Amino acid sequence: MRPVASFDVAQCRAEIAALEGKKRKLNNAIQRANFERRITVASEEMSLAEALDLRKSINQRIGELTSQLREAAYERIVYKEERDIVEPPDRDFGEVRQALEERRRLFRDLNRRLRAVAFEVIVEFKDEP
């Protein structure tokens, strides 16, 4: 295949390179705004960048606690010839459920605050011609 006469490959590549440069500059401006803007979460002040990282780690912890809750809900029974061996779960169901609920509340609060701030933050970026 070859390009049609009205399509200039070199010009297209130059435009793509210019767009990639603008993307880097815009991403840098967003990151700068994320580090400059501060919010309070669970009585702790932090930058938006920290809050976004915190949200990610809380979400991961929620997944871990969900798996632990599933395991804590059941006893393991090992069937032997004359008797059954009952093994209790490693963690208490109530404790895991409470920890999971606390993380879920923190995640919801953090998410609400991040969404509200998203409408307030202004990114300083001027698109050059």
C-alpha atoms as a PDB file:
ATOM      1  CA  MET A   1       0.000   0.000   0.000  1.00  0.00           C
ATOM      2  CA  ARG A   2       1.009   3.582  -0.514  1.00  0.00           C
ATOM      3  CA  PRO A   3      -0.481   6.860   0.643  1.00  0.00           C
ATOM      4  CA  VAL A   4      -2.730   8.837  -1.656  1.00  0.00           C
ATOM      5  CA  ALA A   5      -1.289  11.978  -3.226  1.00  0.00           C
ATOM      6  CA  SER A   6      -3.130  14.347  -0.861  1.00  0.00           C
ATOM      7  CA  PHE A   7      -1.780  12.573   2.261  1.00  0.00           C
ATOM      8  CA  ASP A   8       1.628  13.803   3.442  1.00  0.00           C
ATOM      9  CA  VAL A   9       3.168  11.184   5.760  1.00  0.00           C
ATOM     10  CA  ALA A  10       5.889  13.527   7.039  1.00  0.00           C
ATOM     11  CA  GLN A  11       3.371  16.250   7.875  1.00  0.00           C
ATOM     12  CA  CYS A  12       1.149  13.710   9.680  1.00  0.00           C
ATOM     13  CA  ARG A  13       4.099  12.490  11.741  1.00  0.00           C
ATOM     14  CA  ALA A  14       5.010  16.075  12.639  1.00  0.00           C
ATOM     15  CA  GLU A  15       1.420  16.750  13.779  1.00  0.00           C
ATOM     16  CA  ILE A  16       1.434  13.597  15.911  1.00  0.00           C
ATOM     17  CA  ALA A  17       4.742  14.623  17.506  1.00  0.00           C
ATOM     18  CA  ALA A  18       3.313  18.077  18.278  1.00  0.00           C
ATOM     19  CA  LEU A  19       0.230  16.505  19.869  1.00  0.00           C
ATOM     20  CA  GLU A  20       2.426  14.218  21.984  1.00  0.00           C
ATOM     21  CA  GLY A  21       4.309  17.283  23.219  1.00  0.00           C
ATOM     22  CA  LYS A  22       1.048  19.027  24.120  1.00  0.00           C
ATOM     23  CA  LYS A  23      -0.113  15.919  25.930  1.00  0.00           C
ATOM     24  CA  ARG A  24       3.051  15.888  28.063  1.00  0.00           C
ATOM     25  CA  LYS A  25       2.646  19.585  28.890  1.00  0.00           C
ATOM     26  CA  LEU A  26      -1.035  19.123  29.787  1.00  0.00           C
ATOM     27  CA  ASN A  27      -0.244  16.113  31.964  1.00  0.00           C
ATOM     28  CA  ASN A  28       2.451  18.152  33.726  1.00  0.00           C
ATOM     29  CA  ALA A  29      -0.035  20.985  34.363  1.00  0.00           C
ATOM     30  CA  ILE A  30      -2.576  18.500  35.775  1.00  0.00           C
ATOM     31  CA  GLN A  31       0.053  16.985  38.068  1.00  0.00           C
ATOM     32  CA  ARG A  32       1.111  20.443  39.253  1.00  0.00           C
ATOM     33  CA  ALA A  33      -2.524  21.291  40.069  1.00  0.00           C
ATOM     34  CA  ASN A  34      -2.898  17.952  41.886  1.00  0.00           C
ATOM     35  CA  PHE A  35       0.104  18.727  44.088  1.00  0.00           C
ATOM     36  CA  GLU A  36      -0.857  22.358  44.745  1.00  0.00           C
ATOM     37  CA  ARG A  37      -4.516  21.823  45.683  1.00  0.00           C
ATOM     38  CA  ARG A  38      -5.106  20.482  49.209  1.00  0.00           C
ATOM     39  CA  ILE A  39      -8.125  18.757  50.721  1.00  0.00           C
ATOM     40  CA  THR A  40      -8.947  17.365  54.146  1.00  0.00           C
ATOM     41  CA  VAL A  41      -9.763  13.683  54.427  1.00  0.00           C
ATOM     42  CA  ALA A  42     -10.452  11.996  57.775  1.00  0.00           C
ATOM     43  CA  SER A  43      -9.138  15.117  59.560  1.00  0.00           C
ATOM     44  CA  GLU A  44      -5.840  14.930  57.649  1.00  0.00           C
ATOM     45  CA  GLU A  45      -4.844  17.545  55.099  1.00  0.00           C
ATOM     46  CA  MET A  46      -3.225  16.252  51.930  1.00  0.00           C
ATOM     47  CA  SER A  47      -2.668  17.128  48.294  1.00  0.00           C
ATOM     48  CA  LEU A  48      -4.985  15.842  45.592  1.00  0.00           C
ATOM     49  CA  ALA A  49      -2.181  13.600  44.374  1.00  0.00           C
ATOM     50  CA  GLU A  50      -1.930  12.011  47.821  1.00  0.00           C
ATOM     51  CA  ALA A  51      -5.708  11.677  48.034  1.00  0.00           C
ATOM     52  CA  LEU A  52      -5.835   9.941  44.647  1.00  0.00           C
ATOM     53  CA  ASP A  53      -3.111   7.545  45.760  1.00  0.00           C
ATOM     54  CA  LEU A  54      -4.936   6.962  49.049  1.00  0.00           C
ATOM     55  CA  ARG A  55      -8.161   6.170  47.190  1.00  0.00           C
ATOM     56  CA  LYS A  56      -6.332   3.596  45.103  1.00  0.00           C
ATOM     57  CA  SER A  57      -4.811   1.885  48.148  1.00  0.00           C
ATOM     58  CA  ILE A  58      -8.130   1.927  50.054  1.00  0.00           C
ATOM     59  CA  ASN A  59      -9.856   0.319  47.083  1.00  0.00           C
ATOM     60  CA  GLN A  60      -7.196  -2.396  47.011  1.00  0.00           C
ATOM     61  CA  ARG A  61      -7.600  -2.953  50.765  1.00  0.00           C
ATOM     62  CA  ILE A  62     -11.377  -3.266  50.308  1.00  0.00           C
ATOM     63  CA  GLY A  63     -10.743  -6.109  47.864  1.00  0.00           C
ATOM     64  CA  GLU A  64      -8.440  -7.839  50.336  1.00  0.00           C
ATOM     65  CA  LEU A  65     -10.921  -7.444  53.199  1.00  0.00           C
ATOM     66  CA  THR A  66     -13.746  -8.776  51.034  1.00  0.00           C
ATOM     67  CA  SER A  67     -11.753 -11.976  50.476  1.00  0.00           C
ATOM     68  CA  GLN A  68     -10.909 -12.187  54.173  1.00  0.00           C
ATOM     69  CA  LEU A  69     -14.573 -11.711  55.084  1.00  0.00           C
ATOM     70  CA  ARG A  70     -15.548 -14.611  52.847  1.00  0.00           C
ATOM     71  CA  GLU A  71     -12.965 -16.818  54.561  1.00  0.00           C
ATOM     72  CA  ALA A  72     -13.952 -15.623  58.062  1.00  0.00           C
ATOM     73  CA  ALA A  73     -17.596 -16.527  57.468  1.00  0.00           C
ATOM     74  CA  TYR A  74     -17.017 -20.290  57.443  1.00  0.00           C
ATOM     75  CA  GLU A  75     -15.354 -22.919  59.573  1.00  0.00           C
ATOM     76  CA  ARG A  76     -13.263 -25.520  57.793  1.00  0.00           C
ATOM     77  CA  ILE A  77     -14.238 -29.104  58.417  1.00  0.00           C
ATOM     78  CA  VAL A  78     -11.753 -31.869  57.781  1.00  0.00           C
ATOM     79  CA  TYR A  79     -13.536 -35.208  57.544  1.00  0.00           C
ATOM     80  CA  LYS A  80     -11.703 -38.140  59.139  1.00  0.00           C
ATOM     81  CA  GLU A  81     -12.797 -41.755  59.449  1.00  0.00           C
ATOM     82  CA  GLU A  82     -14.211 -41.650  62.975  1.00  0.00           C
ATOM     83  CA  ARG A  83     -14.327 -37.916  63.717  1.00  0.00           C
ATOM     84  CA  ASP A  84     -14.490 -34.520  62.067  1.00  0.00           C
ATOM     85  CA  ILE A  85     -11.914 -31.839  62.759  1.00  0.00           C
ATOM     86  CA  VAL A  86     -13.415 -28.334  62.835  1.00  0.00           C
ATOM     87  CA  GLU A  87     -10.978 -25.493  62.236  1.00  0.00           C
ATOM     88  CA  PRO A  88     -12.193 -21.985  63.070  1.00  0.00           C
ATOM     89  CA  PRO A  89     -11.384 -19.151  60.659  1.00  0.00           C
ATOM     90  CA  ASP A  90      -8.104 -17.296  61.120  1.00  0.00           C
ATOM     91  CA  ARG A  91      -9.865 -13.960  61.711  1.00  0.00           C
ATOM     92  CA  ASP A  92     -13.034 -13.021  63.540  1.00  0.00           C
ATOM     93  CA  PHE A  93     -15.951 -12.409  61.176  1.00  0.00           C
ATOM     94  CA  GLY A  94     -17.206  -9.358  63.117  1.00  0.00           C
ATOM     95  CA  GLU A  95     -13.798  -7.681  63.173  1.00  0.00           C
ATOM     96  CA  VAL A  96     -13.251  -8.187  59.452  1.00  0.00           C
ATOM     97  CA  ARG A  97     -16.751  -6.941  58.646  1.00  0.00           C
ATOM     98  CA  GLN A  98     -16.225  -3.830  60.769  1.00  0.00           C
ATOM     99  CA  ALA A  99     -12.833  -3.114  59.164  1.00  0.00           C
ATOM    100  CA  LEU A 100     -14.368  -3.556  55.714  1.00  0.00           C
ATOM    101  CA  GLU A 101     -17.247  -1.197  56.517  1.00  0.00           C
ATOM    102  CA  GLU A 102     -14.825   1.446  57.851  1.00  0.00           C
ATOM    103  CA  ARG A 103     -12.786   1.261  54.649  1.00  0.00           C
ATOM    104  CA  ARG A 104     -15.928   1.498  52.524  1.00  0.00           C
ATOM    105  CA  ARG A 105     -17.081   4.615  54.398  1.00  0.00           C
ATOM    106  CA  LEU A 106     -13.641   6.203  54.047  1.00  0.00           C
ATOM    107  CA  PHE A 107     -13.596   5.368  50.331  1.00  0.00           C
ATOM    108  CA  ARG A 108     -17.055   6.906  49.779  1.00  0.00           C
ATOM    109  CA  ASP A 109     -16.132  10.059  51.717  1.00  0.00           C
ATOM    110  CA  LEU A 110     -12.845  10.409  49.890  1.00  0.00           C
ATOM    111  CA  ASN A 111     -14.486   9.821  46.525  1.00  0.00           C
ATOM    112  CA  ARG A 112     -17.145  12.485  47.215  1.00  0.00           C
ATOM    113  CA  ARG A 113     -14.507  15.014  48.207  1.00  0.00           C
ATOM    114  CA  LEU A 114     -12.394  14.258  45.132  1.00  0.00           C
ATOM    115  CA  ARG A 115     -15.383  14.634  42.820  1.00  0.00           C
ATOM    116  CA  ALA A 116     -16.380  17.938  44.424  1.00  0.00           C
ATOM    117  CA  VAL A 117     -12.845  19.312  44.121  1.00  0.00           C
ATOM    118  CA  ALA A 118     -12.629  18.185  40.495  1.00  0.00           C
ATOM    119  CA  PHE A 119     -15.103  20.939  39.611  1.00  0.00           C
ATOM    120  CA  GLU A 120     -13.087  23.573  41.494  1.00  0.00           C
ATOM    121  CA  VAL A 121      -9.536  22.929  40.289  1.00  0.00           C
ATOM    122  CA  ILE A 122      -8.332  24.991  37.373  1.00  0.00           C
ATOM    123  CA  VAL A 123      -5.437  23.614  35.360  1.00  0.00           C
ATOM    124  CA  GLU A 124      -3.114  26.301  34.040  1.00  0.00           C
ATOM    125  CA  PHE A 125      -2.543  25.238  30.455  1.00  0.00           C
ATOM    126  CA  LYS A 126      -2.458  27.340  27.341  1.00  0.00           C
ATOM    127  CA  ASP A 127      -2.697  25.477  24.062  1.00  0.00           C
ATOM    128  CA  GLU A 128      -0.179  26.903  21.635  1.00  0.00           C
ATOM    129  CA  PRO A 129      -1.020  27.091  17.949  1.00  0.00           C
END
